[in-house]
Amino acid sequence: MRLRPAGDGDTELLDRLCRRSTTLPEEGLGYPRCDNARELLAEAAQFDNPADERLLVIEDGAGTPIGLTGLLLDTTDGTCWAIGPLLDAAWRTPAYAEAALAALLLRAPRDPAPLNYVEDANTLLVQALRAQGWARGSGSTEMEYLVPPDPPAAPAHPVRRLTGPRDPAFDRLARLLASAHEWPGEPGEHRRRLTAYVVEDGCRVALVEQDGQVAGCALWMYLGGTDFGRLEYVAVDPGFRRRGIGAALVVHVNADAHEAGARAMYLSLGSDNDTAARLYLRCGFAEKVRSTRFTAPSSPGRYPA
């Protein structure tokens, strides 16, 4: 078995494997969830990951393409995601999955350690990950909002858009997001992270201000080349909770998705975060997929970070 960069001639294989991973729970991934090769390429491009370096076709000893794997590196979050592996037809066995994972780890960075989100029903991949020493972690739930033909009603609180890194509320937003979502590092790093989200990744940010303070905010993005977006973060200051501010922010995001012509919005949250899940359900989201996070063991670190 060997891994090689994916090329134009692999589109049919990638389309088939991606489609199976989003329609068959027993082959499902928690991330990336892409219906076709176009969406997978858009996912890689969002984080400036060259497809010919990060998307890898698995070949058997005879050179036959039998699957897909790879690594997506997000330098803003400092996160590395492993893709699958996704294996085709008769090659979808624990032995081939373990061999592909072992080959992938030879290309993986030491830091950050790759993460692999696997749909709970994908027992074959779970078995292979555990056999290769990947550590099982917490559960994750993906939720979906299908954008209706008519826009939602206006939010219950006034919501305004962040104008950019020079917005007077920018530093307060960075502090709120860092506190609510446990961003590592010092305040200067939090500011740089939010700047990267807005300037480099094209994220949109909205906030609610009350009594001269930032009461809450939301950060979301649209994936270029696709018809959907992702709600990445919602944060409400503890002193302003239970006032409907979180709901107002989510409704604002949903209205923006309607205006942008998106088909759907997605978000992920911890499977034990019942409070947030209830908020999103009230705002029109529905649970779509449950998955589990696995973290790779230490690796030789030969993959270029």
C-alpha atoms as a PDB file:
ATOM      1  CA  MET A   1       0.000   0.000   0.000  1.00  0.00           C
ATOM      2  CA  ARG A   2       1.118   3.554  -0.702  1.00  0.00           C
ATOM      3  CA  LEU A   3      -0.292   7.078  -0.522  1.00  0.00           C
ATOM      4  CA  ARG A   4      -0.039   9.547  -3.390  1.00  0.00           C
ATOM      5  CA  PRO A   5      -1.407  13.036  -4.004  1.00  0.00           C
ATOM      6  CA  ALA A   6      -4.932  13.185  -5.388  1.00  0.00           C
ATOM      7  CA  GLY A   7      -5.189  14.461  -8.962  1.00  0.00           C
ATOM      8  CA  ASP A   8      -7.775  15.420 -11.563  1.00  0.00           C
ATOM      9  CA  GLY A   9      -8.181  11.801 -12.591  1.00  0.00           C
ATOM     10  CA  ASP A  10      -9.379  10.836  -9.120  1.00  0.00           C
ATOM     11  CA  THR A  11     -12.580  12.896  -9.128  1.00  0.00           C
ATOM     12  CA  GLU A  12     -14.893   9.946  -9.719  1.00  0.00           C
ATOM     13  CA  LEU A  13     -13.322   7.978  -6.848  1.00  0.00           C
ATOM     14  CA  LEU A  14     -13.477  10.969  -4.492  1.00  0.00           C
ATOM     15  CA  ASP A  15     -17.088  11.684  -5.450  1.00  0.00           C
ATOM     16  CA  ARG A  16     -18.087   8.105  -4.715  1.00  0.00           C
ATOM     17  CA  LEU A  17     -16.253   7.877  -1.382  1.00  0.00           C
ATOM     18  CA  CYS A  18     -17.482  11.281  -0.183  1.00  0.00           C
ATOM     19  CA  ARG A  19     -21.064  10.434  -1.098  1.00  0.00           C
ATOM     20  CA  ARG A  20     -20.907   7.140   0.780  1.00  0.00           C
ATOM     21  CA  SER A  21     -19.420   8.835   3.847  1.00  0.00           C
ATOM     22  CA  THR A  22     -22.390  11.213   4.126  1.00  0.00           C
ATOM     23  CA  THR A  23     -25.189   8.787   3.238  1.00  0.00           C
ATOM     24  CA  LEU A  24     -24.090   5.521   4.918  1.00  0.00           C
ATOM     25  CA  PRO A  25     -23.661   5.850   8.701  1.00  0.00           C
ATOM     26  CA  GLU A  26     -21.488   2.718   8.769  1.00  0.00           C
ATOM     27  CA  GLU A  27     -18.962   4.591   6.591  1.00  0.00           C
ATOM     28  CA  GLY A  28     -19.616   8.038   8.048  1.00  0.00           C
ATOM     29  CA  LEU A  29     -17.207  10.681   9.275  1.00  0.00           C
ATOM     30  CA  GLY A  30     -17.916  13.490  11.704  1.00  0.00           C
ATOM     31  CA  TYR A  31     -15.492  15.752   9.816  1.00  0.00           C
ATOM     32  CA  PRO A  32     -14.978  16.511   7.011  1.00  0.00           C
ATOM     33  CA  ARG A  33     -18.501  15.751   5.819  1.00  0.00           C
ATOM     34  CA  CYS A  34     -18.490  16.428   2.084  1.00  0.00           C
ATOM     35  CA  ASP A  35     -21.005  15.166  -0.456  1.00  0.00           C
ATOM     36  CA  ASN A  36     -18.547  15.222  -3.354  1.00  0.00           C
ATOM     37  CA  ALA A  37     -15.016  16.033  -4.483  1.00  0.00           C
ATOM     38  CA  ARG A  38     -15.907  19.680  -5.140  1.00  0.00           C
ATOM     39  CA  GLU A  39     -16.915  20.219  -1.516  1.00  0.00           C
ATOM     40  CA  LEU A  40     -13.816  18.405  -0.271  1.00  0.00           C
ATOM     41  CA  LEU A  41     -11.569  20.610  -2.412  1.00  0.00           C
ATOM     42  CA  ALA A  42     -13.404  23.681  -1.100  1.00  0.00           C
ATOM     43  CA  GLU A  43     -12.822  22.478   2.462  1.00  0.00           C
ATOM     44  CA  ALA A  44      -9.093  22.142   1.796  1.00  0.00           C
ATOM     45  CA  ALA A  45      -8.933  25.520   0.061  1.00  0.00           C
ATOM     46  CA  GLN A  46     -10.657  27.259   2.983  1.00  0.00           C
ATOM     47  CA  PHE A  47      -7.584  26.600   5.126  1.00  0.00           C
ATOM     48  CA  ASP A  48      -5.094  27.184   2.280  1.00  0.00           C
ATOM     49  CA  ASN A  49      -4.301  23.479   2.145  1.00  0.00           C
ATOM     50  CA  PRO A  50      -2.927  22.545  -1.313  1.00  0.00           C
ATOM     51  CA  ALA A  51      -4.991  19.613  -2.538  1.00  0.00           C
ATOM     52  CA  ASP A  52      -1.930  17.938  -4.049  1.00  0.00           C
ATOM     53  CA  GLU A  53      -0.305  17.854  -0.594  1.00  0.00           C
ATOM     54  CA  ARG A  54      -3.185  17.287   1.813  1.00  0.00           C
ATOM     55  CA  LEU A  55      -5.588  14.983  -0.098  1.00  0.00           C
ATOM     56  CA  LEU A  56      -4.098  11.535  -0.595  1.00  0.00           C
ATOM     57  CA  VAL A  57      -5.279   8.593  -2.662  1.00  0.00           C
ATOM     58  CA  ILE A  58      -4.628   5.146  -1.209  1.00  0.00           C
ATOM     59  CA  GLU A  59      -3.287   2.567  -3.673  1.00  0.00           C
ATOM     60  CA  ASP A  60      -2.853  -1.154  -3.159  1.00  0.00           C
ATOM     61  CA  GLY A  61       0.317  -3.038  -4.039  1.00  0.00           C
ATOM     62  CA  ALA A  62      -0.714  -3.220  -7.695  1.00  0.00           C
ATOM     63  CA  GLY A  63      -1.231   0.550  -7.950  1.00  0.00           C
ATOM     64  CA  THR A  64      -5.033   0.353  -7.946  1.00  0.00           C
ATOM     65  CA  PRO A  65      -6.719   3.356  -6.286  1.00  0.00           C
ATOM     66  CA  ILE A  66      -8.693   1.931  -3.354  1.00  0.00           C
ATOM     67  CA  GLY A  67      -9.430   4.838  -1.044  1.00  0.00           C
ATOM     68  CA  LEU A  68      -8.927   8.370   0.215  1.00  0.00           C
ATOM     69  CA  THR A  69      -7.223   9.872   3.231  1.00  0.00           C
ATOM     70  CA  GLY A  70      -5.293  13.040   4.038  1.00  0.00           C
ATOM     71  CA  LEU A  71      -4.692  15.801   6.560  1.00  0.00           C
ATOM     72  CA  LEU A  72      -6.354  19.217   6.753  1.00  0.00           C
ATOM     73  CA  LEU A  73      -4.361  21.788   8.743  1.00  0.00           C
ATOM     74  CA  ASP A  74      -6.029  24.921  10.133  1.00  0.00           C
ATOM     75  CA  THR A  75      -3.272  27.286  11.183  1.00  0.00           C
ATOM     76  CA  THR A  76      -5.759  29.748  12.714  1.00  0.00           C
ATOM     77  CA  ASP A  77      -7.077  27.208  15.230  1.00  0.00           C
ATOM     78  CA  GLY A  78      -3.874  25.204  15.401  1.00  0.00           C
ATOM     79  CA  THR A  79      -5.820  22.067  14.511  1.00  0.00           C
ATOM     80  CA  CYS A  80      -5.059  19.133  12.210  1.00  0.00           C
ATOM     81  CA  TRP A  81      -7.868  16.847  11.014  1.00  0.00           C
ATOM     82  CA  ALA A  82      -7.318  13.413   9.550  1.00  0.00           C
ATOM     83  CA  ILE A  83      -9.598  12.301   6.729  1.00  0.00           C
ATOM     84  CA  GLY A  84     -10.902   8.796   7.264  1.00  0.00           C
ATOM     85  CA  PRO A  85      -9.508   6.750   5.666  1.00  0.00           C
ATOM     86  CA  LEU A  86     -12.388   6.108   3.288  1.00  0.00           C
ATOM     87  CA  LEU A  87     -11.969   2.776   1.520  1.00  0.00           C
ATOM     88  CA  ASP A  88     -13.723   1.499  -1.584  1.00  0.00           C
ATOM     89  CA  ALA A  89     -15.722  -1.714  -1.917  1.00  0.00           C
ATOM     90  CA  ALA A  90     -13.790  -4.931  -1.141  1.00  0.00           C
ATOM     91  CA  TRP A  91     -10.850  -3.004   0.334  1.00  0.00           C
ATOM     92  CA  ARG A  92     -12.959  -1.723   3.205  1.00  0.00           C
ATOM     93  CA  THR A  93     -11.508  -4.041   5.846  1.00  0.00           C
ATOM     94  CA  PRO A  94      -9.894  -3.431   9.260  1.00  0.00           C
ATOM     95  CA  ALA A  95      -6.500  -4.500   7.898  1.00  0.00           C
ATOM     96  CA  TYR A  96      -6.543  -1.987   5.034  1.00  0.00           C
ATOM     97  CA  ALA A  97      -7.862   0.746   7.338  1.00  0.00           C
ATOM     98  CA  GLU A  98      -5.072   0.114   9.846  1.00  0.00           C
ATOM     99  CA  ALA A  99      -2.432   0.097   7.113  1.00  0.00           C
ATOM    100  CA  ALA A 100      -3.728   3.387   5.700  1.00  0.00           C
ATOM    101  CA  LEU A 101      -3.728   5.002   9.157  1.00  0.00           C
ATOM    102  CA  ALA A 102      -0.160   3.831   9.781  1.00  0.00           C
ATOM    103  CA  ALA A 103       0.953   5.293   6.442  1.00  0.00           C
ATOM    104  CA  LEU A 104      -0.860   8.545   7.158  1.00  0.00           C
ATOM    105  CA  LEU A 105       0.827   8.972  10.538  1.00  0.00           C
ATOM    106  CA  LEU A 106       4.216   8.905   8.822  1.00  0.00           C
ATOM    107  CA  ARG A 107       3.146  12.156   7.120  1.00  0.00           C
ATOM    108  CA  ALA A 108       1.497  13.732  10.161  1.00  0.00           C
ATOM    109  CA  PRO A 109       2.899  16.672  12.164  1.00  0.00           C
ATOM    110  CA  ARG A 110       4.032  16.145  15.732  1.00  0.00           C
ATOM    111  CA  ASP A 111       2.099  19.211  16.805  1.00  0.00           C
ATOM    112  CA  PRO A 112      -0.807  19.558  16.557  1.00  0.00           C
ATOM    113  CA  ALA A 113      -1.660  15.881  16.817  1.00  0.00           C
ATOM    114  CA  PRO A 114      -4.191  14.899  14.144  1.00  0.00           C
ATOM    115  CA  LEU A 115      -7.824  14.512  15.191  1.00  0.00           C
ATOM    116  CA  ASN A 116     -10.253  12.085  13.599  1.00  0.00           C
ATOM    117  CA  TYR A 117     -14.018  12.514  14.000  1.00  0.00           C
ATOM    118  CA  VAL A 118     -15.862   9.276  13.211  1.00  0.00           C
ATOM    119  CA  GLU A 119     -19.581   8.654  13.060  1.00  0.00           C
ATOM    120  CA  ASP A 120     -20.575   6.303  15.854  1.00  0.00           C
ATOM    121  CA  ALA A 121     -21.952   3.687  13.446  1.00  0.00           C
ATOM    122  CA  ASN A 122     -18.608   3.430  11.593  1.00  0.00           C
ATOM    123  CA  THR A 123     -17.418   0.551  13.758  1.00  0.00           C
ATOM    124  CA  LEU A 124     -14.795  -0.616  11.252  1.00  0.00           C
ATOM    125  CA  LEU A 125     -12.885   2.676  11.374  1.00  0.00           C
ATOM    126  CA  VAL A 126     -13.318   2.937  15.146  1.00  0.00           C
ATOM    127  CA  GLN A 127     -11.766  -0.526  15.478  1.00  0.00           C
ATOM    128  CA  ALA A 128      -8.835   0.438  13.238  1.00  0.00           C
ATOM    129  CA  LEU A 129      -8.203   3.702  15.114  1.00  0.00           C
ATOM    130  CA  ARG A 130      -8.108   1.960  18.474  1.00  0.00           C
ATOM    131  CA  ALA A 131      -5.818  -0.748  17.114  1.00  0.00           C
ATOM    132  CA  GLN A 132      -3.421   1.966  15.912  1.00  0.00           C
ATOM    133  CA  GLY A 133      -3.330   3.654  19.305  1.00  0.00           C
ATOM    134  CA  TRP A 134      -5.619   6.634  18.665  1.00  0.00           C
ATOM    135  CA  ALA A 135      -7.132   7.867  21.942  1.00  0.00           C
ATOM    136  CA  ARG A 136     -10.916   8.019  22.155  1.00  0.00           C
ATOM    137  CA  GLY A 137     -12.227  11.411  23.269  1.00  0.00           C
ATOM    138  CA  SER A 138     -15.499  13.250  23.658  1.00  0.00           C
ATOM    139  CA  GLY A 139     -18.586  13.081  21.493  1.00  0.00           C
ATOM    140  CA  SER A 140     -19.639  15.715  18.970  1.00  0.00           C
ATOM    141  CA  THR A 141     -23.013  16.513  17.428  1.00  0.00           C
ATOM    142  CA  GLU A 142     -23.456  18.171  14.043  1.00  0.00           C
ATOM    143  CA  MET A 143     -26.639  20.183  13.579  1.00  0.00           C
ATOM    144  CA  GLU A 144     -28.174  21.472  10.353  1.00  0.00           C
ATOM    145  CA  TYR A 145     -30.359  24.456   9.529  1.00  0.00           C
ATOM    146  CA  LEU A 146     -32.063  24.217   6.143  1.00  0.00           C
ATOM    147  CA  VAL A 147     -32.615  27.784   4.961  1.00  0.00           C
ATOM    148  CA  PRO A 148     -36.341  28.276   4.233  1.00  0.00           C
ATOM    149  CA  PRO A 149     -37.715  30.315   1.318  1.00  0.00           C
ATOM    150  CA  ASP A 150     -38.778  33.152   3.634  1.00  0.00           C
ATOM    151  CA  PRO A 151     -36.407  34.957   6.007  1.00  0.00           C
ATOM    152  CA  PRO A 152     -36.853  34.506   9.766  1.00  0.00           C
ATOM    153  CA  ALA A 153     -38.491  37.158  11.922  1.00  0.00           C
ATOM    154  CA  ALA A 154     -36.317  39.979  13.219  1.00  0.00           C
ATOM    155  CA  PRO A 155     -34.170  39.165  16.285  1.00  0.00           C
ATOM    156  CA  ALA A 156     -35.553  40.081  19.703  1.00  0.00           C
ATOM    157  CA  HIS A 157     -32.487  42.255  20.436  1.00  0.00           C
ATOM    158  CA  PRO A 158     -30.657  44.729  18.184  1.00  0.00           C
ATOM    159  CA  VAL A 159     -27.713  43.006  16.491  1.00  0.00           C
ATOM    160  CA  ARG A 160     -24.928  44.787  14.650  1.00  0.00           C
ATOM    161  CA  ARG A 161     -22.067  43.551  12.501  1.00  0.00           C
ATOM    162  CA  LEU A 162     -18.441  43.909  13.481  1.00  0.00           C
ATOM    163  CA  THR A 163     -16.723  46.350  11.143  1.00  0.00           C
ATOM    164  CA  GLY A 164     -13.262  44.803  11.428  1.00  0.00           C
ATOM    165  CA  PRO A 165     -10.191  44.677  13.694  1.00  0.00           C
ATOM    166  CA  ARG A 166     -10.466  48.442  14.347  1.00  0.00           C
ATOM    167  CA  ASP A 167     -14.012  48.151  15.673  1.00  0.00           C
ATOM    168  CA  PRO A 168     -14.146  49.570  19.246  1.00  0.00           C
ATOM    169  CA  ALA A 169     -15.622  46.264  20.462  1.00  0.00           C
ATOM    170  CA  PHE A 170     -12.976  44.058  18.837  1.00  0.00           C
ATOM    171  CA  ASP A 171     -10.804  43.399  21.905  1.00  0.00           C
ATOM    172  CA  ARG A 172     -13.852  42.762  24.095  1.00  0.00           C
ATOM    173  CA  LEU A 173     -15.135  40.263  21.532  1.00  0.00           C
ATOM    174  CA  ALA A 174     -11.793  38.454  21.528  1.00  0.00           C
ATOM    175  CA  ARG A 175     -11.881  38.238  25.334  1.00  0.00           C
ATOM    176  CA  LEU A 176     -15.463  36.958  25.353  1.00  0.00           C
ATOM    177  CA  LEU A 177     -14.812  34.287  22.712  1.00  0.00           C
ATOM    178  CA  ALA A 178     -11.572  33.189  24.377  1.00  0.00           C
ATOM    179  CA  SER A 179     -13.297  32.846  27.744  1.00  0.00           C
ATOM    180  CA  ALA A 180     -16.418  31.089  26.446  1.00  0.00           C
ATOM    181  CA  HIS A 181     -14.573  28.640  24.187  1.00  0.00           C
ATOM    182  CA  GLU A 182     -11.349  28.191  26.157  1.00  0.00           C
ATOM    183  CA  TRP A 183      -8.941  29.509  23.563  1.00  0.00           C
ATOM    184  CA  PRO A 184      -5.376  28.852  24.730  1.00  0.00           C
ATOM    185  CA  GLY A 185      -2.776  31.590  25.067  1.00  0.00           C
ATOM    186  CA  GLU A 186      -2.603  35.197  26.165  1.00  0.00           C
ATOM    187  CA  PRO A 187      -4.920  38.111  25.219  1.00  0.00           C
ATOM    188  CA  GLY A 188      -2.640  39.176  22.372  1.00  0.00           C
ATOM    189  CA  GLU A 189      -2.921  35.707  20.858  1.00  0.00           C
ATOM    190  CA  HIS A 190      -6.694  35.823  21.186  1.00  0.00           C
ATOM    191  CA  ARG A 191      -6.769  39.109  19.284  1.00  0.00           C
ATOM    192  CA  ARG A 192      -4.548  37.669  16.552  1.00  0.00           C
ATOM    193  CA  ARG A 193      -6.784  34.611  16.310  1.00  0.00           C
ATOM    194  CA  LEU A 194      -9.944  36.679  15.890  1.00  0.00           C
ATOM    195  CA  THR A 195      -8.133  38.892  13.376  1.00  0.00           C
ATOM    196  CA  ALA A 196      -7.184  35.807  11.364  1.00  0.00           C
ATOM    197  CA  TYR A 197     -10.781  34.591  11.402  1.00  0.00           C
ATOM    198  CA  VAL A 198     -12.048  37.910  10.082  1.00  0.00           C
ATOM    199  CA  VAL A 199      -9.267  38.995   7.717  1.00  0.00           C
ATOM    200  CA  GLU A 200      -7.845  35.714   6.421  1.00  0.00           C
ATOM    201  CA  ASP A 201     -10.740  33.256   6.700  1.00  0.00           C
ATOM    202  CA  GLY A 202     -13.501  35.706   5.752  1.00  0.00           C
ATOM    203  CA  CYS A 203     -15.622  35.038   8.826  1.00  0.00           C
ATOM    204  CA  ARG A 204     -18.544  37.312   9.643  1.00  0.00           C
ATOM    205  CA  VAL A 205     -19.099  38.492  13.208  1.00  0.00           C
ATOM    206  CA  ALA A 206     -22.210  39.959  14.823  1.00  0.00           C
ATOM    207  CA  LEU A 207     -22.670  41.267  18.339  1.00  0.00           C
ATOM    208  CA  VAL A 208     -25.276  42.453  20.799  1.00  0.00           C
ATOM    209  CA  GLU A 209     -24.368  45.382  23.052  1.00  0.00           C
ATOM    210  CA  GLN A 210     -26.262  46.298  26.205  1.00  0.00           C
ATOM    211  CA  ASP A 211     -25.460  48.769  28.984  1.00  0.00           C
ATOM    212  CA  GLY A 212     -22.267  49.754  27.172  1.00  0.00           C
ATOM    213  CA  GLN A 213     -20.955  46.171  27.193  1.00  0.00           C
ATOM    214  CA  VAL A 214     -20.645  43.334  24.691  1.00  0.00           C
ATOM    215  CA  ALA A 215     -23.429  41.012  25.805  1.00  0.00           C
ATOM    216  CA  GLY A 216     -22.855  38.333  23.165  1.00  0.00           C
ATOM    217  CA  CYS A 217     -21.490  37.563  19.726  1.00  0.00           C
ATOM    218  CA  ALA A 218     -21.597  35.040  16.904  1.00  0.00           C
ATOM    219  CA  LEU A 219     -19.000  34.125  14.278  1.00  0.00           C
ATOM    220  CA  TRP A 220     -19.832  32.288  11.057  1.00  0.00           C
ATOM    221  CA  MET A 221     -18.551  31.724   7.534  1.00  0.00           C
ATOM    222  CA  TYR A 222     -19.580  30.470   4.100  1.00  0.00           C
ATOM    223  CA  LEU A 223     -17.488  27.846   2.367  1.00  0.00           C
ATOM    224  CA  GLY A 224     -16.489  29.121  -1.080  1.00  0.00           C
ATOM    225  CA  GLY A 225     -17.577  26.905  -3.953  1.00  0.00           C
ATOM    226  CA  THR A 226     -20.417  25.347  -1.940  1.00  0.00           C
ATOM    227  CA  ASP A 227     -23.988  26.251  -1.005  1.00  0.00           C
ATOM    228  CA  PHE A 228     -23.593  26.123   2.777  1.00  0.00           C
ATOM    229  CA  GLY A 229     -22.021  27.894   5.721  1.00  0.00           C
ATOM    230  CA  ARG A 230     -20.908  27.091   9.250  1.00  0.00           C
ATOM    231  CA  LEU A 231     -21.780  28.742  12.517  1.00  0.00           C
ATOM    232  CA  GLU A 232     -18.439  28.475  14.296  1.00  0.00           C
ATOM    233  CA  TYR A 233     -18.998  30.257  17.610  1.00  0.00           C
ATOM    234  CA  VAL A 234     -21.748  31.765  19.740  1.00  0.00           C
ATOM    235  CA  ALA A 235     -20.809  33.335  23.069  1.00  0.00           C
ATOM    236  CA  VAL A 236     -22.920  35.176  25.628  1.00  0.00           C
ATOM    237  CA  ASP A 237     -21.420  36.975  28.618  1.00  0.00           C
ATOM    238  CA  PRO A 238     -22.504  35.211  31.857  1.00  0.00           C
ATOM    239  CA  GLY A 239     -23.982  38.459  33.153  1.00  0.00           C
ATOM    240  CA  PHE A 240     -26.381  38.660  30.199  1.00  0.00           C
ATOM    241  CA  ARG A 241     -27.613  35.090  29.951  1.00  0.00           C
ATOM    242  CA  ARG A 242     -31.274  34.055  30.021  1.00  0.00           C
ATOM    243  CA  ARG A 243     -32.282  37.209  28.147  1.00  0.00           C
ATOM    244  CA  GLY A 244     -32.643  35.698  24.673  1.00  0.00           C
ATOM    245  CA  ILE A 245     -29.356  37.153  23.414  1.00  0.00           C
ATOM    246  CA  GLY A 246     -28.034  33.836  22.134  1.00  0.00           C
ATOM    247  CA  ALA A 247     -31.267  33.253  20.226  1.00  0.00           C
ATOM    248  CA  ALA A 248     -31.136  36.765  18.746  1.00  0.00           C
ATOM    249  CA  LEU A 249     -27.617  36.101  17.445  1.00  0.00           C
ATOM    250  CA  VAL A 250     -28.550  32.745  15.902  1.00  0.00           C
ATOM    251  CA  VAL A 251     -31.645  34.259  14.256  1.00  0.00           C
ATOM    252  CA  HIS A 252     -29.412  36.991  12.823  1.00  0.00           C
ATOM    253  CA  VAL A 253     -27.070  34.366  11.383  1.00  0.00           C
ATOM    254  CA  ASN A 254     -30.001  32.457   9.885  1.00  0.00           C
ATOM    255  CA  ALA A 255     -31.281  35.668   8.283  1.00  0.00           C
ATOM    256  CA  ASP A 256     -27.834  36.355   6.848  1.00  0.00           C
ATOM    257  CA  ALA A 257     -27.740  32.834   5.392  1.00  0.00           C
ATOM    258  CA  HIS A 258     -31.066  33.524   3.677  1.00  0.00           C
ATOM    259  CA  GLU A 259     -29.753  36.797   2.265  1.00  0.00           C
ATOM    260  CA  ALA A 260     -26.530  35.103   1.111  1.00  0.00           C
ATOM    261  CA  GLY A 261     -28.505  32.460  -0.806  1.00  0.00           C
ATOM    262  CA  ALA A 262     -27.125  29.564   1.231  1.00  0.00           C
ATOM    263  CA  ARG A 263     -28.937  26.244   1.206  1.00  0.00           C
ATOM    264  CA  ALA A 264     -27.957  25.284   4.749  1.00  0.00           C
ATOM    265  CA  MET A 265     -25.959  26.209   7.826  1.00  0.00           C
ATOM    266  CA  TYR A 266     -24.105  23.705   9.978  1.00  0.00           C
ATOM    267  CA  LEU A 267     -22.591  23.750  13.445  1.00  0.00           C
ATOM    268  CA  SER A 268     -20.866  21.333  15.795  1.00  0.00           C
ATOM    269  CA  LEU A 269     -21.061  21.159  19.559  1.00  0.00           C
ATOM    270  CA  GLY A 270     -20.226  18.726  22.335  1.00  0.00           C
ATOM    271  CA  SER A 271     -22.783  15.950  22.569  1.00  0.00           C
ATOM    272  CA  ASP A 272     -23.203  16.717  26.282  1.00  0.00           C
ATOM    273  CA  ASN A 273     -23.925  20.427  25.709  1.00  0.00           C
ATOM    274  CA  ASP A 274     -27.678  20.147  26.190  1.00  0.00           C
ATOM    275  CA  THR A 275     -28.176  23.850  26.912  1.00  0.00           C
ATOM    276  CA  ALA A 276     -26.699  24.962  23.598  1.00  0.00           C
ATOM    277  CA  ALA A 277     -28.473  22.162  21.739  1.00  0.00           C
ATOM    278  CA  ARG A 278     -31.850  23.357  23.038  1.00  0.00           C
ATOM    279  CA  LEU A 279     -31.054  26.898  21.880  1.00  0.00           C
ATOM    280  CA  TYR A 280     -30.217  25.754  18.363  1.00  0.00           C
ATOM    281  CA  LEU A 281     -33.275  23.499  18.182  1.00  0.00           C
ATOM    282  CA  ARG A 282     -35.480  26.485  19.078  1.00  0.00           C
ATOM    283  CA  CYS A 283     -33.831  28.460  16.280  1.00  0.00           C
ATOM    284  CA  GLY A 284     -34.575  25.887  13.584  1.00  0.00           C
ATOM    285  CA  PHE A 285     -31.529  23.608  13.656  1.00  0.00           C
ATOM    286  CA  ALA A 286     -31.925  19.825  13.747  1.00  0.00           C
ATOM    287  CA  GLU A 287     -29.526  17.141  14.885  1.00  0.00           C
ATOM    288  CA  LYS A 288     -27.851  15.455  11.917  1.00  0.00           C
ATOM    289  CA  VAL A 289     -24.863  13.342  12.978  1.00  0.00           C
ATOM    290  CA  ARG A 290     -23.204  12.168  16.177  1.00  0.00           C
ATOM    291  CA  SER A 291     -19.516  11.361  16.098  1.00  0.00           C
ATOM    292  CA  THR A 292     -16.590  10.674  18.424  1.00  0.00           C
ATOM    293  CA  ARG A 293     -13.191  12.360  18.441  1.00  0.00           C
ATOM    294  CA  PHE A 294     -10.004  10.298  18.301  1.00  0.00           C
ATOM    295  CA  THR A 295      -6.531  11.796  18.806  1.00  0.00           C
ATOM    296  CA  ALA A 296      -3.501  10.340  17.055  1.00  0.00           C
ATOM    297  CA  PRO A 297      -0.554   8.913  18.961  1.00  0.00           C
ATOM    298  CA  SER A 298       2.826  10.643  18.627  1.00  0.00           C
ATOM    299  CA  SER A 299       4.166  10.417  15.077  1.00  0.00           C
ATOM    300  CA  PRO A 300       7.508  10.828  13.272  1.00  0.00           C
ATOM    301  CA  GLY A 301       6.405  14.283  12.096  1.00  0.00           C
ATOM    302  CA  ARG A 302       7.618  14.074   8.516  1.00  0.00           C
ATOM    303  CA  TYR A 303       4.576  15.789   7.038  1.00  0.00           C
ATOM    304  CA  PRO A 304       5.221  19.483   6.230  1.00  0.00           C
ATOM    305  CA  ALA A 305       3.228  21.644   8.614  1.00  0.00           C
END
